[in-house]
Amino acid sequence: MRLYEKLYKPIPLAVLLLGIVLFNPLHVPPDYDAKAEEPAVVMEATPVERSPEGAKKYARDILYLFDWDNKTQWECLESLWTKESNWRPDAYNRQHVWQNGKKMNAGGIPQILGLDPDMKVENQVMRGLVYIDSRYGSPCSAWRFWLANFWY
């Protein structure tokens, strides 16, 4: 065993990036260049309906934030999250997984380990999209991985 393996358990890069993006410790404002003149859908005052239809509409409305606002990427995302949770915000996988010595369950629309199904739909969708972006680069890449492995 190498010395650095004894000192700490390596943290997956995706988890680290997800934490940085979600918690934004430096409070760096996002740079959306071409979409700067459009009002951000994320800042809507009205909450998203807590249903599969509301989640789908919200996800489709914010795909432009990741430059995925085309029919193909939407179809891949729709297929992926239909297989994962059928777009149900309250989805919870009772089958647990041990990760870093902790028992974790997947929850929410994107079925992310440790995600609380009671979290707002907007947060679930954004966390899922950030995960897909950081790990796969696009919904279609994540969908291809899911088709080969039945998880993503």
Protein backbone atom coordinates (compact mmCIF):
# COMPACT_ATOMS: atom_id res chain seq x y z
CA MET A 1 0.00 0.00 0.00
CA ARG A 2 1.31 3.42 -0.94
CA LEU A 3 1.93 6.06 1.70
CA TYR A 4 -0.79 8.41 0.48
CA GLU A 5 -3.34 5.58 0.61
CA LYS A 6 -2.57 5.10 4.29
CA LEU A 7 -2.99 8.79 5.07
CA TYR A 8 -6.44 9.33 3.60
CA LYS A 9 -9.08 7.73 1.46
CA PRO A 10 -9.13 9.37 -1.98
CA ILE A 11 -12.23 11.44 -2.62
CA PRO A 12 -13.76 10.91 -6.04
CA LEU A 13 -13.27 13.94 -8.24
CA ALA A 14 -16.96 14.03 -9.10
CA VAL A 15 -17.97 14.40 -5.44
CA LEU A 16 -15.42 17.15 -4.92
CA LEU A 17 -16.58 19.04 -8.02
CA LEU A 18 -20.20 18.59 -7.04
CA GLY A 19 -19.49 20.08 -3.61
CA ILE A 20 -17.68 23.05 -5.11
CA VAL A 21 -20.44 23.72 -7.62
CA LEU A 22 -23.30 23.30 -5.13
CA PHE A 23 -21.82 25.16 -2.20
CA ASN A 24 -19.85 27.75 -4.22
CA PRO A 25 -17.42 28.50 -1.35
CA LEU A 26 -15.84 31.46 -3.14
CA HIS A 27 -19.25 32.91 -4.07
CA VAL A 28 -18.22 33.16 -7.70
CA PRO A 29 -21.21 34.17 -9.84
CA PRO A 30 -21.91 31.81 -12.74
CA ASP A 31 -20.90 33.04 -16.20
CA TYR A 32 -23.56 32.18 -18.73
CA ASP A 33 -22.17 34.43 -21.52
CA ALA A 34 -24.70 34.10 -24.33
CA LYS A 35 -27.65 33.65 -22.01
CA ALA A 36 -26.83 36.62 -19.73
CA GLU A 37 -29.66 38.76 -21.11
CA GLU A 38 -32.28 36.06 -20.40
CA PRO A 39 -33.86 35.88 -16.95
CA ALA A 40 -32.58 32.84 -15.09
CA VAL A 41 -35.28 30.22 -14.72
CA VAL A 42 -33.52 29.01 -11.57
CA MET A 43 -34.49 32.22 -9.79
CA GLU A 44 -38.24 31.80 -10.35
CA ALA A 45 -40.33 33.02 -7.44
CA THR A 46 -42.97 30.35 -7.93
CA PRO A 47 -41.92 26.89 -6.79
CA VAL A 48 -41.89 24.02 -9.23
CA GLU A 49 -44.82 21.62 -8.94
CA ARG A 50 -43.71 18.56 -6.97
CA SER A 51 -44.66 16.03 -9.62
CA PRO A 52 -42.99 14.20 -12.50
CA GLU A 53 -44.53 16.67 -14.96
CA GLY A 54 -43.28 19.68 -12.97
CA ALA A 55 -39.80 18.18 -12.70
CA LYS A 56 -39.65 17.47 -16.44
CA LYS A 57 -40.74 20.99 -17.33
CA TYR A 58 -38.19 22.52 -14.97
CA ALA A 59 -35.36 20.30 -16.24
CA ARG A 60 -36.16 21.10 -19.85
CA ASP A 61 -36.28 24.83 -19.04
CA ILE A 62 -32.79 24.88 -17.51
CA LEU A 63 -30.90 22.61 -19.94
CA TYR A 64 -29.56 25.73 -21.64
CA LEU A 65 -27.45 26.42 -18.55
CA PHE A 66 -25.33 23.43 -19.56
CA ASP A 67 -25.55 24.07 -23.34
CA TRP A 68 -27.71 20.96 -23.70
CA ASP A 69 -30.83 22.67 -25.00
CA ASN A 70 -31.37 20.45 -28.00
CA LYS A 71 -33.81 17.63 -28.72
CA THR A 72 -31.23 14.82 -28.57
CA GLN A 73 -29.85 15.74 -25.12
CA TRP A 74 -33.37 16.19 -23.77
CA GLU A 75 -34.42 12.75 -25.04
CA CYS A 76 -31.38 11.15 -23.41
CA LEU A 77 -32.05 12.88 -20.08
CA GLU A 78 -35.73 11.98 -20.22
CA SER A 79 -34.89 8.32 -20.87
CA LEU A 80 -32.22 8.23 -18.16
CA TRP A 81 -34.32 9.69 -15.36
CA THR A 82 -37.40 7.74 -16.46
CA LYS A 83 -35.38 4.56 -15.85
CA GLU A 84 -33.94 5.88 -12.58
CA SER A 85 -37.03 7.22 -10.80
CA ASN A 86 -39.75 7.77 -13.40
CA TRP A 87 -39.15 11.48 -12.58
CA ARG A 88 -40.70 11.11 -9.10
CA PRO A 89 -39.21 13.65 -6.66
CA ASP A 90 -40.05 11.39 -3.71
CA ALA A 91 -38.33 8.29 -5.17
CA TYR A 92 -36.20 6.40 -2.67
CA ASN A 93 -34.20 3.26 -3.29
CA ARG A 94 -34.47 0.99 -0.24
CA GLN A 95 -31.48 -1.06 -1.38
CA HIS A 96 -28.45 0.49 0.28
CA VAL A 97 -24.85 0.73 -0.84
CA TRP A 98 -21.81 0.96 1.41
CA GLN A 99 -19.63 3.91 0.44
CA ASN A 100 -16.61 5.02 2.50
CA GLY A 101 -17.88 2.97 5.43
CA LYS A 102 -21.35 4.55 5.39
CA LYS A 103 -24.64 2.95 4.45
CA MET A 104 -26.27 5.13 1.79
CA ASN A 105 -29.45 4.99 -0.25
CA ALA A 106 -30.17 6.71 -3.54
CA GLY A 107 -32.99 9.21 -3.63
CA GLY A 108 -34.80 11.82 -5.64
CA ILE A 109 -35.30 12.23 -9.36
CA PRO A 110 -31.68 11.54 -10.37
CA GLN A 111 -31.26 8.79 -7.73
CA ILE A 112 -28.05 10.20 -6.28
CA LEU A 113 -26.58 8.46 -3.24
CA GLY A 114 -27.49 10.39 -0.10
CA LEU A 115 -29.95 12.71 -1.86
CA ASP A 116 -32.94 13.45 0.35
CA PRO A 117 -36.20 12.81 -1.55
CA ASP A 118 -37.82 15.63 0.47
CA MET A 119 -35.47 18.17 -1.14
CA LYS A 120 -37.08 20.72 -3.46
CA VAL A 121 -37.53 19.59 -7.06
CA GLU A 122 -35.33 22.45 -8.30
CA ASN A 123 -32.42 21.29 -6.13
CA GLN A 124 -32.83 17.64 -7.12
CA VAL A 125 -32.81 18.48 -10.82
CA MET A 126 -29.84 20.84 -10.52
CA ARG A 127 -27.81 18.33 -8.49
CA GLY A 128 -28.55 15.65 -11.06
CA LEU A 129 -27.54 17.86 -13.98
CA VAL A 130 -24.34 18.98 -12.24
CA TYR A 131 -23.50 15.32 -11.57
CA ILE A 132 -24.09 14.37 -15.21
CA ASP A 133 -22.02 17.33 -16.40
CA SER A 134 -19.09 16.64 -14.08
CA ARG A 135 -18.99 12.86 -14.60
CA TYR A 136 -20.18 12.29 -18.18
CA GLY A 137 -20.22 15.67 -19.91
CA SER A 138 -23.74 15.28 -21.30
CA PRO A 139 -27.02 13.41 -20.76
CA CYS A 140 -26.40 11.28 -23.86
CA SER A 141 -23.02 10.11 -22.54
CA ALA A 142 -24.65 9.26 -19.20
CA TRP A 143 -27.48 7.43 -21.01
CA ARG A 144 -24.99 5.37 -23.06
CA PHE A 145 -23.20 4.42 -19.83
CA TRP A 146 -26.53 3.47 -18.22
CA LEU A 147 -27.44 1.27 -21.20
CA ALA A 148 -24.16 -0.62 -20.79
CA ASN A 149 -24.15 -0.86 -16.97
CA PHE A 150 -27.72 -0.21 -15.72
CA TRP A 151 -26.42 2.53 -13.42
CA TYR A 152 -24.69 5.85 -13.94
